[in-house]
Amino acid sequence: MASLPNLRRLFANARTETEESSYSRSAFWNLILFVSSIAVFSVAAQRMSGRPIPSR
């Protein structure tokens, strides 16, 4: 079976350094937003269920 090309490298080579940096930064902030929203919904669900939020 032939090995597949590295798609990330192909797309990165097709863009300029500025475009690649912009996409990378955007993806990073989207990830941060996604993880933050999961944390917020988790805390909200715990408060609504009446279970205490664990503290350190």
PDB file of N, CA and C in Angstrom:
ATOM      1  N   MET A   1       0.855  -1.181   0.000  1.00  0.00           N
ATOM      2  CA  MET A   1       0.000   0.000   0.000  1.00  0.00           C
ATOM      3  C   MET A   1       0.899   1.241   0.000  1.00  0.00           C
ATOM      4  N   ALA A   2       0.615   2.143  -0.886  1.00  0.00           N
ATOM      5  CA  ALA A   2       1.420   3.365  -0.993  1.00  0.00           C
ATOM      6  C   ALA A   2       1.120   4.285   0.184  1.00  0.00           C
ATOM      7  N   SER A   3       2.142   4.954   0.645  1.00  0.00           N
ATOM      8  CA  SER A   3       1.933   5.869   1.767  1.00  0.00           C
ATOM      9  C   SER A   3       1.257   7.144   1.268  1.00  0.00           C
ATOM     10  N   LEU A   4       0.408   7.673   2.085  1.00  0.00           N
ATOM     11  CA  LEU A   4      -0.315   8.894   1.735  1.00  0.00           C
ATOM     12  C   LEU A   4       0.563  10.110   1.986  1.00  0.00           C
ATOM     13  N   PRO A   5       0.391  11.147   1.188  1.00  0.00           N
ATOM     14  CA  PRO A   5       1.193  12.356   1.419  1.00  0.00           C
ATOM     15  C   PRO A   5       0.744  13.064   2.697  1.00  0.00           C
ATOM     16  N   ASN A   6       1.629  13.814   3.266  1.00  0.00           N
ATOM     17  CA  ASN A   6       1.321  14.582   4.458  1.00  0.00           C
ATOM     18  C   ASN A   6       0.477  15.789   4.034  1.00  0.00           C
ATOM     19  N   LEU A   7      -0.828  15.717   4.281  1.00  0.00           N
ATOM     20  CA  LEU A   7      -1.739  16.767   3.816  1.00  0.00           C
ATOM     21  C   LEU A   7      -1.441  18.112   4.454  1.00  0.00           C
ATOM     22  N   ARG A   8      -1.057  18.101   5.707  1.00  0.00           N
ATOM     23  CA  ARG A   8      -0.733  19.370   6.382  1.00  0.00           C
ATOM     24  C   ARG A   8       0.413  20.071   5.656  1.00  0.00           C
ATOM     25  N   ARG A   9       1.439  19.313   5.285  1.00  0.00           N
ATOM     26  CA  ARG A   9       2.587  19.895   4.592  1.00  0.00           C
ATOM     27  C   ARG A   9       2.193  20.393   3.201  1.00  0.00           C
ATOM     28  N   LEU A  10       1.333  19.642   2.506  1.00  0.00           N
ATOM     29  CA  LEU A  10       0.886  20.077   1.180  1.00  0.00           C
ATOM     30  C   LEU A  10       0.140  21.403   1.260  1.00  0.00           C
ATOM     31  N   PHE A  11      -0.783  21.521   2.205  1.00  0.00           N
ATOM     32  CA  PHE A  11      -1.532  22.767   2.346  1.00  0.00           C
ATOM     33  C   PHE A  11      -0.630  23.907   2.807  1.00  0.00           C
ATOM     34  N   ALA A  12       0.299  23.616   3.686  1.00  0.00           N
ATOM     35  CA  ALA A  12       1.213  24.656   4.168  1.00  0.00           C
ATOM     36  C   ALA A  12       2.100  25.162   3.041  1.00  0.00           C
ATOM     37  N   ASN A  13       2.536  24.277   2.163  1.00  0.00           N
ATOM     38  CA  ASN A  13       3.370  24.695   1.038  1.00  0.00           C
ATOM     39  C   ASN A  13       2.588  25.507   0.021  1.00  0.00           C
ATOM     40  N   ALA A  14       1.279  25.342  -0.029  1.00  0.00           N
ATOM     41  CA  ALA A  14       0.449  26.063  -0.994  1.00  0.00           C
ATOM     42  C   ALA A  14       0.129  27.481  -0.524  1.00  0.00           C
ATOM     43  N   ARG A  15       0.385  27.781   0.744  1.00  0.00           N
ATOM     44  CA  ARG A  15       0.072  29.110   1.288  1.00  0.00           C
ATOM     45  C   ARG A  15       1.350  29.870   1.596  1.00  0.00           C
ATOM     46  N   THR A  16       1.197  31.182   1.665  1.00  0.00           N
ATOM     47  CA  THR A  16       2.335  32.011   2.063  1.00  0.00           C
ATOM     48  C   THR A  16       2.534  31.887   3.576  1.00  0.00           C
ATOM     49  N   GLU A  17       3.660  32.356   4.056  1.00  0.00           N
ATOM     50  CA  GLU A  17       3.958  32.301   5.493  1.00  0.00           C
ATOM     51  C   GLU A  17       2.928  33.095   6.293  1.00  0.00           C
ATOM     52  N   THR A  18       2.505  34.235   5.760  1.00  0.00           N
ATOM     53  CA  THR A  18       1.508  35.069   6.445  1.00  0.00           C
ATOM     54  C   THR A  18       0.160  34.363   6.515  1.00  0.00           C
ATOM     55  N   GLU A  19      -0.249  33.734   5.411  1.00  0.00           N
ATOM     56  CA  GLU A  19      -1.518  33.002   5.408  1.00  0.00           C
ATOM     57  C   GLU A  19      -1.468  31.821   6.375  1.00  0.00           C
ATOM     58  N   GLU A  20      -0.368  31.096   6.367  1.00  0.00           N
ATOM     59  CA  GLU A  20      -0.222  29.948   7.264  1.00  0.00           C
ATOM     60  C   GLU A  20      -0.278  30.389   8.723  1.00  0.00           C
ATOM     61  N   SER A  21       0.373  31.495   9.037  1.00  0.00           N
ATOM     62  CA  SER A  21       0.354  32.024  10.401  1.00  0.00           C
ATOM     63  C   SER A  21      -1.060  32.428  10.805  1.00  0.00           C
ATOM     64  N   SER A  22      -1.771  33.044   9.883  1.00  0.00           N
ATOM     65  CA  SER A  22      -3.146  33.471  10.156  1.00  0.00           C
ATOM     66  C   SER A  22      -4.051  32.265  10.418  1.00  0.00           C
ATOM     67  N   TYR A  23      -3.945  31.234   9.578  1.00  0.00           N
ATOM     68  CA  TYR A  23      -4.753  30.028   9.771  1.00  0.00           C
ATOM     69  C   TYR A  23      -4.409  29.339  11.091  1.00  0.00           C
ATOM     70  N   SER A  24      -3.130  29.285  11.397  1.00  0.00           N
ATOM     71  CA  SER A  24      -2.693  28.634  12.624  1.00  0.00           C
ATOM     72  C   SER A  24      -3.216  29.372  13.852  1.00  0.00           C
ATOM     73  N   ARG A  25      -3.124  30.692  13.831  1.00  0.00           N
ATOM     74  CA  ARG A  25      -3.613  31.501  14.951  1.00  0.00           C
ATOM     75  C   ARG A  25      -5.125  31.341  15.107  1.00  0.00           C
ATOM     76  N   SER A  26      -5.831  31.349  13.992  1.00  0.00           N
ATOM     77  CA  SER A  26      -7.282  31.186  14.029  1.00  0.00           C
ATOM     78  C   SER A  26      -7.659  29.818  14.603  1.00  0.00           C
ATOM     79  N   ALA A  27      -6.961  28.776  14.182  1.00  0.00           N
ATOM     80  CA  ALA A  27      -7.236  27.431  14.695  1.00  0.00           C
ATOM     81  C   ALA A  27      -6.961  27.351  16.194  1.00  0.00           C
ATOM     82  N   PHE A  28      -5.897  27.998  16.649  1.00  0.00           N
ATOM     83  CA  PHE A  28      -5.570  28.002  18.074  1.00  0.00           C
ATOM     84  C   PHE A  28      -6.696  28.646  18.884  1.00  0.00           C
ATOM     85  N   TRP A  29      -7.163  29.817  18.454  1.00  0.00           N
ATOM     86  CA  TRP A  29      -8.214  30.500  19.203  1.00  0.00           C
ATOM     87  C   TRP A  29      -9.537  29.742  19.134  1.00  0.00           C
ATOM     88  N   ASN A  30      -9.811  29.075  18.010  1.00  0.00           N
ATOM     89  CA  ASN A  30     -11.011  28.243  17.929  1.00  0.00           C
ATOM     90  C   ASN A  30     -10.931  27.087  18.917  1.00  0.00           C
ATOM     91  N   LEU A  31      -9.754  26.496  19.067  1.00  0.00           N
ATOM     92  CA  LEU A  31      -9.573  25.418  20.037  1.00  0.00           C
ATOM     93  C   LEU A  31      -9.779  25.929  21.461  1.00  0.00           C
ATOM     94  N   ILE A  32      -9.203  27.088  21.779  1.00  0.00           N
ATOM     95  CA  ILE A  32      -9.367  27.678  23.113  1.00  0.00           C
ATOM     96  C   ILE A  32     -10.843  27.961  23.389  1.00  0.00           C
ATOM     97  N   LEU A  33     -11.548  28.507  22.412  1.00  0.00           N
ATOM     98  CA  LEU A  33     -12.978  28.794  22.566  1.00  0.00           C
ATOM     99  C   LEU A  33     -13.765  27.506  22.788  1.00  0.00           C
ATOM    100  N   PHE A  34     -13.449  26.460  22.044  1.00  0.00           N
ATOM    101  CA  PHE A  34     -14.138  25.182  22.180  1.00  0.00           C
ATOM    102  C   PHE A  34     -13.932  24.586  23.573  1.00  0.00           C
ATOM    103  N   VAL A  35     -12.688  24.554  24.037  1.00  0.00           N
ATOM    104  CA  VAL A  35     -12.387  23.991  25.361  1.00  0.00           C
ATOM    105  C   VAL A  35     -13.042  24.830  26.457  1.00  0.00           C
ATOM    106  N   SER A  36     -13.030  26.150  26.303  1.00  0.00           N
ATOM    107  CA  SER A  36     -13.664  27.030  27.293  1.00  0.00           C
ATOM    108  C   SER A  36     -15.167  26.800  27.345  1.00  0.00           C
ATOM    109  N   SER A  37     -15.790  26.624  26.190  1.00  0.00           N
ATOM    110  CA  SER A  37     -17.237  26.400  26.180  1.00  0.00           C
ATOM    111  C   SER A  37     -17.578  25.071  26.843  1.00  0.00           C
ATOM    112  N   ILE A  38     -16.744  24.054  26.658  1.00  0.00           N
ATOM    113  CA  ILE A  38     -16.975  22.778  27.336  1.00  0.00           C
ATOM    114  C   ILE A  38     -16.892  22.964  28.847  1.00  0.00           C
ATOM    115  N   ALA A  39     -15.913  23.729  29.308  1.00  0.00           N
ATOM    116  CA  ALA A  39     -15.768  23.974  30.743  1.00  0.00           C
ATOM    117  C   ALA A  39     -16.973  24.732  31.295  1.00  0.00           C
ATOM    118  N   VAL A  40     -17.435  25.740  30.568  1.00  0.00           N
ATOM    119  CA  VAL A  40     -18.589  26.529  31.023  1.00  0.00           C
ATOM    120  C   VAL A  40     -19.835  25.654  31.098  1.00  0.00           C
ATOM    121  N   PHE A  41     -20.084  24.850  30.065  1.00  0.00           N
ATOM    122  CA  PHE A  41     -21.261  23.983  30.084  1.00  0.00           C
ATOM    123  C   PHE A  41     -21.152  22.927  31.175  1.00  0.00           C
ATOM    124  N   SER A  42     -19.956  22.446  31.447  1.00  0.00           N
ATOM    125  CA  SER A  42     -19.766  21.464  32.505  1.00  0.00           C
ATOM    126  C   SER A  42     -20.096  22.059  33.868  1.00  0.00           C
ATOM    127  N   VAL A  43     -19.604  23.257  34.131  1.00  0.00           N
ATOM    128  CA  VAL A  43     -19.896  23.927  35.406  1.00  0.00           C
ATOM    129  C   VAL A  43     -21.388  24.223  35.514  1.00  0.00           C
ATOM    130  N   ALA A  44     -21.994  24.692  34.427  1.00  0.00           N
ATOM    131  CA  ALA A  44     -23.435  24.987  34.447  1.00  0.00           C
ATOM    132  C   ALA A  44     -24.243  23.721  34.711  1.00  0.00           C
ATOM    133  N   ALA A  45     -23.866  22.616  34.096  1.00  0.00           N
ATOM    134  CA  ALA A  45     -24.587  21.359  34.306  1.00  0.00           C
ATOM    135  C   ALA A  45     -24.435  20.875  35.744  1.00  0.00           C
ATOM    136  N   GLN A  46     -23.254  21.041  36.323  1.00  0.00           N
ATOM    137  CA  GLN A  46     -23.051  20.632  37.715  1.00  0.00           C
ATOM    138  C   GLN A  46     -23.882  21.487  38.659  1.00  0.00           C
ATOM    139  N   ARG A  47     -23.955  22.774  38.391  1.00  0.00           N
ATOM    140  CA  ARG A  47     -24.752  23.657  39.259  1.00  0.00           C
ATOM    141  C   ARG A  47     -26.238  23.343  39.144  1.00  0.00           C
ATOM    142  N   MET A  48     -26.687  23.031  37.948  1.00  0.00           N
ATOM    143  CA  MET A  48     -28.106  22.732  37.747  1.00  0.00           C
ATOM    144  C   MET A  48     -28.489  21.384  38.356  1.00  0.00           C
ATOM    145  N   SER A  49     -27.540  20.449  38.427  1.00  0.00           N
ATOM    146  CA  SER A  49     -27.853  19.131  38.976  1.00  0.00           C
ATOM    147  C   SER A  49     -27.787  19.119  40.500  1.00  0.00           C
ATOM    148  N   GLY A  50     -27.235  20.172  41.089  1.00  0.00           N
ATOM    149  CA  GLY A  50     -27.158  20.255  42.538  1.00  0.00           C
ATOM    150  C   GLY A  50     -25.932  19.604  43.130  1.00  0.00           C
ATOM    151  N   ARG A  51     -25.086  19.012  42.285  1.00  0.00           N
ATOM    152  CA  ARG A  51     -23.851  18.412  42.791  1.00  0.00           C
ATOM    153  C   ARG A  51     -22.828  19.505  43.046  1.00  0.00           C
ATOM    154  N   PRO A  52     -22.050  19.373  44.114  1.00  0.00           N
ATOM    155  CA  PRO A  52     -21.030  20.395  44.385  1.00  0.00           C
ATOM    156  C   PRO A  52     -19.903  20.335  43.359  1.00  0.00           C
ATOM    157  N   ILE A  53     -19.353  21.501  43.074  1.00  0.00           N
ATOM    158  CA  ILE A  53     -18.217  21.592  42.163  1.00  0.00           C
ATOM    159  C   ILE A  53     -16.966  21.256  42.959  1.00  0.00           C
ATOM    160  N   PRO A  54     -16.180  20.279  42.498  1.00  0.00           N
ATOM    161  CA  PRO A  54     -14.981  19.915  43.267  1.00  0.00           C
ATOM    162  C   PRO A  54     -13.987  21.062  43.306  1.00  0.00           C
ATOM    163  N   SER A  55     -13.421  21.287  44.488  1.00  0.00           N
ATOM    164  CA  SER A  55     -12.411  22.337  44.634  1.00  0.00           C
ATOM    165  C   SER A  55     -11.092  21.685  44.992  1.00  0.00           C
ATOM    166  N   ARG A  56     -10.021  22.403  44.757  1.00  0.00           N
ATOM    167  CA  ARG A  56      -8.685  21.838  45.011  1.00  0.00           C
ATOM    168  C   ARG A  56      -8.282  22.006  46.428  1.00  0.00           C
TER     169      ARG A  56
END
